[in-house]
PDB file of all heavy atoms in Angstrom:
ATOM      1  N   SER A   1      35.096  42.834  40.238  1.00  0.00           N
ATOM      2  CA  SER A   1      34.914  44.140  40.872  1.00  0.00           C
ATOM      3  C   SER A   1      35.939  44.375  41.978  1.00  0.00           C
ATOM      4  O   SER A   1      36.418  45.488  42.137  1.00  0.00           O
ATOM      5  CB  SER A   1      33.470  44.320  41.361  1.00  0.00           C
ATOM      6  OG  SER A   1      33.221  43.453  42.422  1.00  0.00           O
ATOM      7  N   ILE A   2      36.353  43.331  42.705  1.00  0.00           N
ATOM      8  CA  ILE A   2      37.356  43.513  43.760  1.00  0.00           C
ATOM      9  C   ILE A   2      38.705  43.907  43.158  1.00  0.00           C
ATOM     10  O   ILE A   2      39.386  44.793  43.658  1.00  0.00           O
ATOM     11  CB  ILE A   2      37.508  42.230  44.600  1.00  0.00           C
ATOM     12  CG1 ILE A   2      36.231  41.987  45.419  1.00  0.00           C
ATOM     13  CG2 ILE A   2      38.716  42.331  45.547  1.00  0.00           C
ATOM     14  CD1 ILE A   2      36.124  40.574  45.959  1.00  0.00           C
ATOM     15  N   LEU A   3      39.065  43.246  42.070  1.00  0.00           N
ATOM     16  CA  LEU A   3      40.379  43.500  41.473  1.00  0.00           C
ATOM     17  C   LEU A   3      40.329  44.611  40.423  1.00  0.00           C
ATOM     18  O   LEU A   3      41.339  44.949  39.816  1.00  0.00           O
ATOM     19  CB  LEU A   3      40.946  42.212  40.862  1.00  0.00           C
ATOM     20  CG  LEU A   3      41.162  41.055  41.837  1.00  0.00           C
ATOM     21  CD1 LEU A   3      41.668  39.832  41.101  1.00  0.00           C
ATOM     22  CD2 LEU A   3      42.130  41.439  42.958  1.00  0.00           C
ATOM     23  N   GLY A   4      39.143  45.175  40.201  1.00  0.00           N
ATOM     24  CA  GLY A   4      39.000  46.240  39.210  1.00  0.00           C
ATOM     25  C   GLY A   4      39.316  45.775  37.804  1.00  0.00           C
ATOM     26  O   GLY A   4      39.869  46.507  36.993  1.00  0.00           O
ATOM     27  N   LEU A   5      38.961  44.512  37.514  1.00  0.00           N
ATOM     28  CA  LEU A   5      39.274  43.952  36.201  1.00  0.00           C
ATOM     29  C   LEU A   5      38.124  44.160  35.235  1.00  0.00           C
ATOM     30  O   LEU A   5      36.997  44.400  35.637  1.00  0.00           O
ATOM     31  CB  LEU A   5      39.532  42.445  36.323  1.00  0.00           C
ATOM     32  CG  LEU A   5      40.648  42.023  37.253  1.00  0.00           C
ATOM     33  CD1 LEU A   5      40.668  40.519  37.379  1.00  0.00           C
ATOM     34  CD2 LEU A   5      41.979  42.542  36.740  1.00  0.00           C
ATOM     35  N   VAL A   6      38.430  44.022  33.982  1.00  0.00           N
ATOM     36  CA  VAL A   6      37.417  44.129  32.940  1.00  0.00           C
ATOM     37  C   VAL A   6      36.866  42.737  32.662  1.00  0.00           C
ATOM     38  O   VAL A   6      37.623  41.833  32.310  1.00  0.00           O
ATOM     39  CB  VAL A   6      38.035  44.692  31.644  1.00  0.00           C
ATOM     40  CG1 VAL A   6      36.981  44.854  30.579  1.00  0.00           C
ATOM     41  CG2 VAL A   6      38.745  46.008  31.919  1.00  0.00           C
ATOM     42  N   PRO A   7      35.554  42.527  32.810  1.00  0.00           N
ATOM     43  CA  PRO A   7      34.992  41.205  32.483  1.00  0.00           C
ATOM     44  C   PRO A   7      35.295  40.819  31.032  1.00  0.00           C
ATOM     45  O   PRO A   7      35.200  41.646  30.133  1.00  0.00           O
ATOM     46  CB  PRO A   7      33.495  41.402  32.691  1.00  0.00           C
ATOM     47  CG  PRO A   7      33.385  42.522  33.672  1.00  0.00           C
ATOM     48  CD  PRO A   7      34.552  43.433  33.364  1.00  0.00           C
ATOM     49  N   PHE A   8      35.670  39.543  30.843  1.00  0.00           N
ATOM     50  CA  PHE A   8      35.999  39.049  29.491  1.00  0.00           C
ATOM     51  C   PHE A   8      34.904  39.340  28.486  1.00  0.00           C
ATOM     52  O   PHE A   8      35.161  39.617  27.328  1.00  0.00           O
ATOM     53  CB  PHE A   8      36.183  37.519  29.518  1.00  0.00           C
ATOM     54  CG  PHE A   8      37.374  37.057  30.277  1.00  0.00           C
ATOM     55  CD1 PHE A   8      37.282  35.979  31.137  1.00  0.00           C
ATOM     56  CD2 PHE A   8      38.596  37.676  30.125  1.00  0.00           C
ATOM     57  CE1 PHE A   8      38.386  35.535  31.854  1.00  0.00           C
ATOM     58  CE2 PHE A   8      39.717  37.245  30.824  1.00  0.00           C
ATOM     59  CZ  PHE A   8      39.608  36.171  31.695  1.00  0.00           C
ATOM     60  N   SER A   9      33.655  39.239  28.939  1.00  0.00           N
ATOM     61  CA  SER A   9      32.521  39.361  28.013  1.00  0.00           C
ATOM     62  C   SER A   9      32.455  40.741  27.358  1.00  0.00           C
ATOM     63  O   SER A   9      31.805  40.920  26.343  1.00  0.00           O
ATOM     64  CB  SER A   9      31.217  39.090  28.759  1.00  0.00           C
ATOM     65  OG  SER A   9      31.057  40.054  29.789  1.00  0.00           O
ATOM     66  N   TYR A  10      33.125  41.726  27.956  1.00  0.00           N
ATOM     67  CA  TYR A  10      33.078  43.083  27.384  1.00  0.00           C
ATOM     68  C   TYR A  10      33.741  43.141  26.015  1.00  0.00           C
ATOM     69  O   TYR A  10      33.322  43.900  25.160  1.00  0.00           O
ATOM     70  CB  TYR A  10      33.792  44.080  28.311  1.00  0.00           C
ATOM     71  CG  TYR A  10      32.973  44.524  29.492  1.00  0.00           C
ATOM     72  CD1 TYR A  10      31.895  43.767  29.950  1.00  0.00           C
ATOM     73  CD2 TYR A  10      33.264  45.712  30.162  1.00  0.00           C
ATOM     74  CE1 TYR A  10      31.154  44.176  31.040  1.00  0.00           C
ATOM     75  CE2 TYR A  10      32.521  46.130  31.260  1.00  0.00           C
ATOM     76  CZ  TYR A  10      31.464  45.359  31.695  1.00  0.00           C
ATOM     77  OH  TYR A  10      30.733  45.771  32.766  1.00  0.00           O
ATOM     78  N   TYR A  11      34.808  42.338  25.827  1.00  0.00           N
ATOM     79  CA  TYR A  11      35.536  42.437  24.558  1.00  0.00           C
ATOM     80  C   TYR A  11      34.702  41.936  23.379  1.00  0.00           C
ATOM     81  O   TYR A  11      34.517  42.666  22.414  1.00  0.00           O
ATOM     82  CB  TYR A  11      36.887  41.729  24.657  1.00  0.00           C
ATOM     83  CG  TYR A  11      37.749  42.314  25.747  1.00  0.00           C
ATOM     84  CD1 TYR A  11      38.247  41.533  26.773  1.00  0.00           C
ATOM     85  CD2 TYR A  11      38.022  43.677  25.767  1.00  0.00           C
ATOM     86  CE1 TYR A  11      39.020  42.087  27.793  1.00  0.00           C
ATOM     87  CE2 TYR A  11      38.788  44.241  26.783  1.00  0.00           C
ATOM     88  CZ  TYR A  11      39.278  43.444  27.792  1.00  0.00           C
ATOM     89  OH  TYR A  11      40.030  43.993  28.803  1.00  0.00           O
ATOM     90  N   PRO A  12      34.169  40.687  23.474  1.00  0.00           N
ATOM     91  CA  PRO A  12      33.350  40.232  22.342  1.00  0.00           C
ATOM     92  C   PRO A  12      32.144  41.137  22.112  1.00  0.00           C
ATOM     93  O   PRO A  12      31.754  41.362  20.967  1.00  0.00           O
ATOM     94  CB  PRO A  12      32.912  38.823  22.741  1.00  0.00           C
ATOM     95  CG  PRO A  12      33.346  38.605  24.135  1.00  0.00           C
ATOM     96  CD  PRO A  12      34.371  39.628  24.470  1.00  0.00           C
ATOM     97  N   GLU A  13      31.595  41.681  23.209  1.00  0.00           N
ATOM     98  CA  GLU A  13      30.428  42.558  23.047  1.00  0.00           C
ATOM     99  C   GLU A  13      30.807  43.805  22.249  1.00  0.00           C
ATOM    100  O   GLU A  13      30.131  44.195  21.294  1.00  0.00           O
ATOM    101  CB  GLU A  13      29.898  42.948  24.433  1.00  0.00           C
ATOM    102  CG  GLU A  13      28.555  43.642  24.381  1.00  0.00           C
ATOM    103  CD  GLU A  13      28.060  44.057  25.774  1.00  0.00           C
ATOM    104  OE1 GLU A  13      28.404  43.374  26.767  1.00  0.00           O
ATOM    105  OE2 GLU A  13      27.339  45.067  25.852  1.00  0.00           O
ATOM    106  N   PHE A  14      31.938  44.416  22.608  1.00  0.00           N
ATOM    107  CA  PHE A  14      32.381  45.642  21.946  1.00  0.00           C
ATOM    108  C   PHE A  14      32.783  45.359  20.497  1.00  0.00           C
ATOM    109  O   PHE A  14      32.415  46.091  19.577  1.00  0.00           O
ATOM    110  CB  PHE A  14      33.545  46.260  22.727  1.00  0.00           C
ATOM    111  CG  PHE A  14      33.941  47.628  22.257  1.00  0.00           C
ATOM    112  CD1 PHE A  14      33.024  48.667  22.223  1.00  0.00           C
ATOM    113  CD2 PHE A  14      35.249  47.890  21.860  1.00  0.00           C
ATOM    114  CE1 PHE A  14      33.397  49.946  21.796  1.00  0.00           C
ATOM    115  CE2 PHE A  14      35.628  49.162  21.434  1.00  0.00           C
ATOM    116  CZ  PHE A  14      34.700  50.194  21.403  1.00  0.00           C
ATOM    117  N   VAL A  15      33.532  44.265  20.295  1.00  0.00           N
ATOM    118  CA  VAL A  15      33.945  43.905  18.936  1.00  0.00           C
ATOM    119  C   VAL A  15      32.710  43.638  18.073  1.00  0.00           C
ATOM    120  O   VAL A  15      32.662  44.013  16.903  1.00  0.00           O
ATOM    121  CB  VAL A  15      34.893  42.675  18.943  1.00  0.00           C
ATOM    122  CG1 VAL A  15      35.198  42.215  17.520  1.00  0.00           C
ATOM    123  CG2 VAL A  15      36.187  43.016  19.666  1.00  0.00           C
ATOM    124  N   GLY A  16      31.687  43.027  18.680  1.00  0.00           N
ATOM    125  CA  GLY A  16      30.440  42.776  17.961  1.00  0.00           C
ATOM    126  C   GLY A  16      29.801  44.070  17.475  1.00  0.00           C
ATOM    127  O   GLY A  16      29.320  44.161  16.338  1.00  0.00           O
ATOM    128  N   LEU A  17      29.816  45.097  18.338  1.00  0.00           N
ATOM    129  CA  LEU A  17      29.246  46.390  17.957  1.00  0.00           C
ATOM    130  C   LEU A  17      30.049  47.007  16.817  1.00  0.00           C
ATOM    131  O   LEU A  17      29.486  47.576  15.877  1.00  0.00           O
ATOM    132  CB  LEU A  17      29.232  47.345  19.164  1.00  0.00           C
ATOM    133  CG  LEU A  17      28.278  46.970  20.304  1.00  0.00           C
ATOM    134  CD1 LEU A  17      28.600  47.767  21.566  1.00  0.00           C
ATOM    135  CD2 LEU A  17      26.822  47.195  19.889  1.00  0.00           C
ATOM    136  N   LEU A  18      31.376  46.881  16.896  1.00  0.00           N
ATOM    137  CA  LEU A  18      32.223  47.442  15.832  1.00  0.00           C
ATOM    138  C   LEU A  18      32.026  46.673  14.528  1.00  0.00           C
ATOM    139  O   LEU A  18      31.934  47.268  13.455  1.00  0.00           O
ATOM    140  CB  LEU A  18      33.697  47.391  16.241  1.00  0.00           C
ATOM    141  CG  LEU A  18      34.103  48.242  17.450  1.00  0.00           C
ATOM    142  CD1 LEU A  18      35.555  47.946  17.825  1.00  0.00           C
ATOM    143  CD2 LEU A  18      33.923  49.731  17.172  1.00  0.00           C
ATOM    144  N   ALA A  19      31.948  45.332  14.647  1.00  0.00           N
ATOM    145  CA  ALA A  19      31.824  44.502  13.448  1.00  0.00           C
ATOM    146  C   ALA A  19      30.509  44.779  12.742  1.00  0.00           C
ATOM    147  O   ALA A  19      30.434  44.750  11.516  1.00  0.00           O
ATOM    148  CB  ALA A  19      31.937  43.025  13.813  1.00  0.00           C
ATOM    149  N   SER A  20      29.457  45.067  13.532  1.00  0.00           N
ATOM    150  CA  SER A  20      28.160  45.321  12.891  1.00  0.00           C
ATOM    151  C   SER A  20      27.963  46.809  12.596  1.00  0.00           C
ATOM    152  O   SER A  20      26.872  47.249  12.270  1.00  0.00           O
ATOM    153  CB  SER A  20      27.023  44.781  13.764  1.00  0.00           C
ATOM    154  OG  SER A  20      27.058  45.417  15.018  1.00  0.00           O
ATOM    155  N   LYS A  21      29.051  47.592  12.754  1.00  0.00           N
ATOM    156  CA  LYS A  21      29.051  49.026  12.450  1.00  0.00           C
ATOM    157  C   LYS A  21      27.974  49.804  13.217  1.00  0.00           C
ATOM    158  O   LYS A  21      27.365  50.737  12.684  1.00  0.00           O
ATOM    159  CB  LYS A  21      28.904  49.266  10.937  1.00  0.00           C
ATOM    160  CG  LYS A  21      30.033  48.664  10.121  1.00  0.00           C
ATOM    161  CD  LYS A  21      30.180  49.361   8.797  1.00  0.00           C
ATOM    162  CE  LYS A  21      31.281  48.846   7.901  1.00  0.00           C
ATOM    163  NZ  LYS A  21      32.289  47.977   8.463  1.00  0.00           N
ATOM    164  N   ASP A  22      27.739  49.379  14.466  1.00  0.00           N
ATOM    165  CA  ASP A  22      26.757  50.071  15.306  1.00  0.00           C
ATOM    166  C   ASP A  22      27.461  51.209  16.053  1.00  0.00           C
ATOM    167  O   ASP A  22      27.915  51.042  17.180  1.00  0.00           O
ATOM    168  CB  ASP A  22      26.129  49.068  16.288  1.00  0.00           C
ATOM    169  CG  ASP A  22      25.091  49.701  17.195  1.00  0.00           C
ATOM    170  OD1 ASP A  22      24.975  50.950  17.200  1.00  0.00           O
ATOM    171  OD2 ASP A  22      24.419  48.946  17.917  1.00  0.00           O
ATOM    172  N   ARG A  23      27.546  52.356  15.397  1.00  0.00           N
ATOM    173  CA  ARG A  23      28.326  53.461  15.949  1.00  0.00           C
ATOM    174  C   ARG A  23      27.766  53.948  17.295  1.00  0.00           C
ATOM    175  O   ARG A  23      28.498  54.106  18.266  1.00  0.00           O
ATOM    176  CB  ARG A  23      28.355  54.619  14.946  1.00  0.00           C
ATOM    177  CG  ARG A  23      29.336  55.717  15.347  1.00  0.00           C
ATOM    178  CD  ARG A  23      29.342  56.838  14.344  1.00  0.00           C
ATOM    179  NE  ARG A  23      28.015  57.444  14.285  1.00  0.00           N
ATOM    180  CZ  ARG A  23      27.634  58.300  13.335  1.00  0.00           C
ATOM    181  NH1 ARG A  23      28.450  58.593  12.358  1.00  0.00           N
ATOM    182  NH2 ARG A  23      26.434  58.826  13.354  1.00  0.00           N
ATOM    183  N   ASP A  24      26.448  54.167  17.342  1.00  0.00           N
ATOM    184  CA  ASP A  24      25.843  54.677  18.582  1.00  0.00           C
ATOM    185  C   ASP A  24      25.987  53.673  19.713  1.00  0.00           C
ATOM    186  O   ASP A  24      26.265  54.037  20.849  1.00  0.00           O
ATOM    187  CB  ASP A  24      24.361  55.012  18.366  1.00  0.00           C
ATOM    188  CG  ASP A  24      24.203  56.116  17.321  1.00  0.00           C
ATOM    189  OD1 ASP A  24      25.235  56.714  16.926  1.00  0.00           O
ATOM    190  OD2 ASP A  24      23.062  56.380  16.900  1.00  0.00           O
ATOM    191  N   GLY A  25      25.801  52.392  19.368  1.00  0.00           N
ATOM    192  CA  GLY A  25      25.941  51.344  20.368  1.00  0.00           C
ATOM    193  C   GLY A  25      27.361  51.311  20.929  1.00  0.00           C
ATOM    194  O   GLY A  25      27.562  51.192  22.146  1.00  0.00           O
TER     195      GLY A  25
END
C-alpha cells in the first residue's frame, strides 16, 4: 500500500477467474 504496488496474489486470483470462465467474477 505504501508503494502503490499490486499484491502478487491478485494475478493468480484473476487468472483463476478467467480460467474457470467466471465472467461476472
